[in-house]
Amino acid sequence: MMDKIKNGAGAPSHRFKSRNGQSLVEYSLVLAFISVLCIAFLTPLGVEIQGIYASIISALSQAGGGF
């Protein structure tokens, strides 16, 4: 009985050594890094897409599309 009490007394200290907070920080940093990469690669792509749409609108207005 005393062994169970002695062993059980140390159990709550193991609960405080959880690594959930550390994992959350690591996942947050990875997500932030991926977001920065996406913004860096999609910004120039957006400029190219804008140019494509501008040429389409120009071609339609010359063809009598009425834009």
Protein backbone atom coordinates (compact mmCIF):
# COMPACT_ATOMS: atom_id res chain seq x y z
CA MET A 1 0.00 0.00 0.00
CA MET A 2 2.79 2.43 0.88
CA ASP A 3 4.53 1.69 -2.45
CA LYS A 4 1.39 2.72 -4.33
CA ILE A 5 1.24 5.96 -2.39
CA LYS A 6 4.94 6.70 -2.99
CA ASN A 7 4.70 5.90 -6.70
CA GLY A 8 1.44 7.79 -7.06
CA ALA A 9 2.86 10.91 -5.45
CA GLY A 10 5.28 11.40 -8.34
CA ALA A 11 2.62 10.95 -11.02
CA PRO A 12 1.27 14.52 -11.10
CA SER A 13 4.73 15.89 -11.87
CA HIS A 14 4.73 13.93 -15.15
CA ARG A 15 1.61 15.76 -16.23
CA PHE A 16 3.45 19.07 -16.20
CA LYS A 17 6.17 17.77 -18.54
CA SER A 18 3.80 17.70 -21.48
CA ARG A 19 5.21 18.75 -24.87
CA ASN A 20 1.89 19.91 -26.33
CA GLY A 21 2.86 23.58 -26.09
CA GLN A 22 6.17 22.96 -27.83
CA SER A 23 4.45 21.08 -30.65
CA LEU A 24 1.95 23.91 -31.06
CA VAL A 25 4.75 26.45 -31.40
CA GLU A 26 6.56 24.27 -33.94
CA TYR A 27 3.42 23.82 -36.04
CA SER A 28 2.78 27.57 -35.87
CA LEU A 29 6.28 28.33 -37.13
CA VAL A 30 5.94 25.84 -39.99
CA LEU A 31 2.58 27.34 -40.95
CA ALA A 32 4.02 30.86 -40.88
CA PHE A 33 6.95 29.76 -43.06
CA ILE A 34 4.64 28.10 -45.60
CA SER A 35 2.45 31.23 -45.66
CA VAL A 36 5.43 33.46 -46.39
CA LEU A 37 6.56 31.15 -49.19
CA CYS A 38 3.08 31.11 -50.74
CA ILE A 39 2.87 34.90 -50.67
CA ALA A 40 6.35 35.20 -52.16
CA PHE A 41 5.55 32.87 -55.05
CA LEU A 42 1.96 33.94 -55.72
CA THR A 43 2.58 37.69 -55.87
CA PRO A 44 4.50 37.60 -59.19
CA LEU A 45 2.04 35.04 -60.50
CA GLY A 46 -0.80 37.45 -59.70
CA VAL A 47 0.85 40.13 -61.83
CA GLU A 48 1.08 37.71 -64.76
CA ILE A 49 -2.56 36.67 -64.36
CA GLN A 50 -3.60 40.32 -64.26
CA GLY A 51 -1.76 40.85 -67.55
CA ILE A 52 -3.53 37.87 -69.12
CA TYR A 53 -6.94 39.17 -68.04
CA ALA A 54 -6.09 42.63 -69.37
CA SER A 55 -5.22 41.18 -72.77
CA ILE A 56 -8.44 39.13 -72.81
CA ILE A 57 -10.53 42.20 -71.95
CA SER A 58 -8.73 44.22 -74.64
CA ALA A 59 -9.35 41.53 -77.24
CA LEU A 60 -13.03 41.29 -76.31
CA SER A 61 -13.54 45.05 -76.43
CA GLN A 62 -11.91 45.21 -79.87
CA ALA A 63 -14.17 42.38 -81.03
CA GLY A 64 -17.23 44.37 -79.97
CA GLY A 65 -17.82 42.78 -76.58
CA GLY A 66 -18.76 46.14 -75.11
CA PHE A 67 -16.67 46.10 -71.93
